[in-house]
Amino acid sequence: QVQLVESGGGLVQPGGSLRLSCAASGSIFHINAMGWYRQAPGKERELVADITSGGSTNYADSVKGRFTISRDNAKNTVYLQMNSLKPEDTAVYYCNALIDTVVAGRRHYWGQGTQVTVSS
């Protein structure tokens, strides 16, 4: 019923930039918070940043000042602009959204993940 499709990952050198996108589609009534999580090998999944439907944002300390989350409510899309990337940012990045649908009510949905590798 609902799909989150991510794009924009890849290989980048330290100090470089990438922009991730995540578009939600399906029988959506309303999208509440949207966010990005990441999971590095051998580590637990962690919150990177999230944004409410009203535009309030929250960032992990490790990315403050380097990453910016934004959303386009008309397109049901959330973005993550990542600047000054470091090797420790290497991970699979997952999109998450809290979505209201008529059939399933309010629940969290996850994207399939996109790999970000920061290496020289």
Protein backbone atom coordinates (compact mmCIF):
# COMPACT_ATOMS: atom_id res chain seq x y z
CA GLN A 1 0.00 0.00 0.00
CA VAL A 2 2.79 2.42 0.88
CA GLN A 3 6.31 2.46 -0.52
CA LEU A 4 9.37 4.53 0.35
CA VAL A 5 11.94 4.68 -2.43
CA GLU A 6 15.39 6.09 -1.71
CA SER A 7 17.99 7.37 -4.14
CA GLY A 8 21.24 9.30 -4.15
CA GLY A 9 23.72 7.04 -2.39
CA GLY A 10 27.14 6.20 -3.73
CA LEU A 11 30.88 6.48 -3.29
CA VAL A 12 32.37 9.84 -2.37
CA GLN A 13 35.76 11.05 -1.16
CA PRO A 14 36.21 12.47 2.35
CA GLY A 15 35.08 16.08 2.42
CA GLY A 16 32.64 15.51 -0.42
CA SER A 17 28.87 15.82 -0.57
CA LEU A 18 25.88 13.67 -1.41
CA ARG A 19 22.15 14.30 -1.44
CA LEU A 20 19.75 11.52 -0.55
CA SER A 21 16.09 11.54 -1.55
CA CYS A 22 13.18 9.44 -0.35
CA ALA A 23 9.77 9.55 -2.00
CA ALA A 24 6.66 8.06 -0.42
CA SER A 25 3.87 6.73 -2.61
CA GLY A 26 0.67 4.77 -2.26
CA SER A 27 -2.62 5.23 -0.43
CA ILE A 28 -1.38 7.98 1.86
CA PHE A 29 -3.73 10.10 3.92
CA HIS A 30 -1.12 12.10 5.80
CA ILE A 31 2.63 11.94 6.45
CA ASN A 32 3.76 12.91 9.92
CA ALA A 33 7.47 12.84 10.80
CA MET A 34 10.04 11.69 8.25
CA GLY A 35 13.61 10.82 8.97
CA TRP A 36 16.87 9.19 8.03
CA TYR A 37 18.60 6.41 9.91
CA ARG A 38 21.88 4.65 9.18
CA GLN A 39 23.47 1.35 9.98
CA ALA A 40 27.18 0.67 9.68
CA PRO A 41 28.57 -2.89 9.61
CA GLY A 42 28.53 -4.41 13.07
CA LYS A 43 26.63 -1.49 14.56
CA GLU A 44 23.03 -0.82 15.48
CA ARG A 45 20.78 1.35 13.36
CA GLU A 46 20.88 4.96 14.56
CA LEU A 47 18.89 8.10 13.94
CA VAL A 48 20.66 10.62 11.72
CA ALA A 49 17.99 13.30 11.44
CA ASP A 50 14.24 13.73 11.39
CA ILE A 51 11.73 16.41 10.48
CA THR A 52 8.12 16.95 11.48
CA SER A 53 5.33 17.81 9.06
CA GLY A 54 5.68 21.39 10.29
CA GLY A 55 9.39 21.51 9.51
CA SER A 56 10.97 21.14 12.95
CA THR A 57 14.24 19.26 12.71
CA ASN A 58 16.40 17.10 14.96
CA TYR A 59 19.95 15.88 14.31
CA ALA A 60 22.36 13.40 15.79
CA ASP A 61 25.30 15.20 17.38
CA SER A 62 27.70 13.50 14.99
CA VAL A 63 26.14 15.17 11.93
CA LYS A 64 25.14 18.59 13.27
CA GLY A 65 26.50 21.37 11.10
CA ARG A 66 27.26 18.99 8.22
CA PHE A 67 23.91 17.41 7.29
CA THR A 68 20.63 19.13 6.50
CA ILE A 69 17.25 17.42 6.37
CA SER A 70 14.36 18.95 4.44
CA ARG A 71 11.07 17.85 2.96
CA ASP A 72 8.66 18.73 0.18
CA ASN A 73 5.19 17.93 1.45
CA ALA A 74 3.63 18.39 -2.00
CA LYS A 75 5.91 15.64 -3.34
CA ASN A 76 5.83 13.42 -0.22
CA THR A 77 9.62 13.53 -0.32
CA VAL A 78 12.33 13.96 2.28
CA TYR A 79 15.93 14.90 1.51
CA LEU A 80 19.23 14.63 3.31
CA GLN A 81 22.00 16.93 2.15
CA MET A 82 25.29 15.57 3.45
CA ASN A 83 28.36 17.81 3.32
CA SER A 84 31.89 17.43 4.66
CA LEU A 85 31.48 13.68 4.63
CA LYS A 86 33.80 11.56 6.75
CA PRO A 87 34.75 7.88 6.50
CA GLU A 88 32.73 7.24 9.65
CA ASP A 89 29.60 8.32 7.78
CA THR A 90 29.88 5.15 5.72
CA ALA A 91 26.70 3.11 6.24
CA VAL A 92 23.45 2.01 4.70
CA TYR A 93 21.03 4.91 5.01
CA TYR A 94 17.34 4.18 5.53
CA CYS A 95 14.37 6.46 5.13
CA ASN A 96 11.57 6.25 7.67
CA ALA A 97 8.16 7.87 7.71
CA LEU A 98 5.22 7.87 10.10
CA ILE A 99 2.23 7.67 7.76
CA ASP A 100 -1.52 7.65 8.19
CA THR A 101 -3.48 5.47 5.78
CA VAL A 102 -7.19 4.65 5.76
CA VAL A 103 -6.52 0.89 5.78
CA ALA A 104 -3.62 0.53 8.23
CA GLY A 105 -4.02 3.61 10.40
CA ARG A 106 -0.79 5.22 11.63
CA ARG A 107 2.41 3.24 11.36
CA HIS A 108 6.09 3.53 10.49
CA TYR A 109 7.34 2.61 7.04
CA TRP A 110 10.93 1.97 5.94
CA GLY A 111 12.75 2.32 2.68
CA GLN A 112 14.99 -0.38 1.27
CA GLY A 113 18.20 1.44 2.15
CA THR A 114 20.90 3.10 0.08
CA GLN A 115 24.63 2.60 0.53
CA VAL A 116 26.84 5.60 1.27
CA THR A 117 30.58 4.95 1.19
CA VAL A 118 33.10 7.65 2.09
CA SER A 119 36.57 6.62 1.06
CA SER A 120 39.62 7.91 -0.77
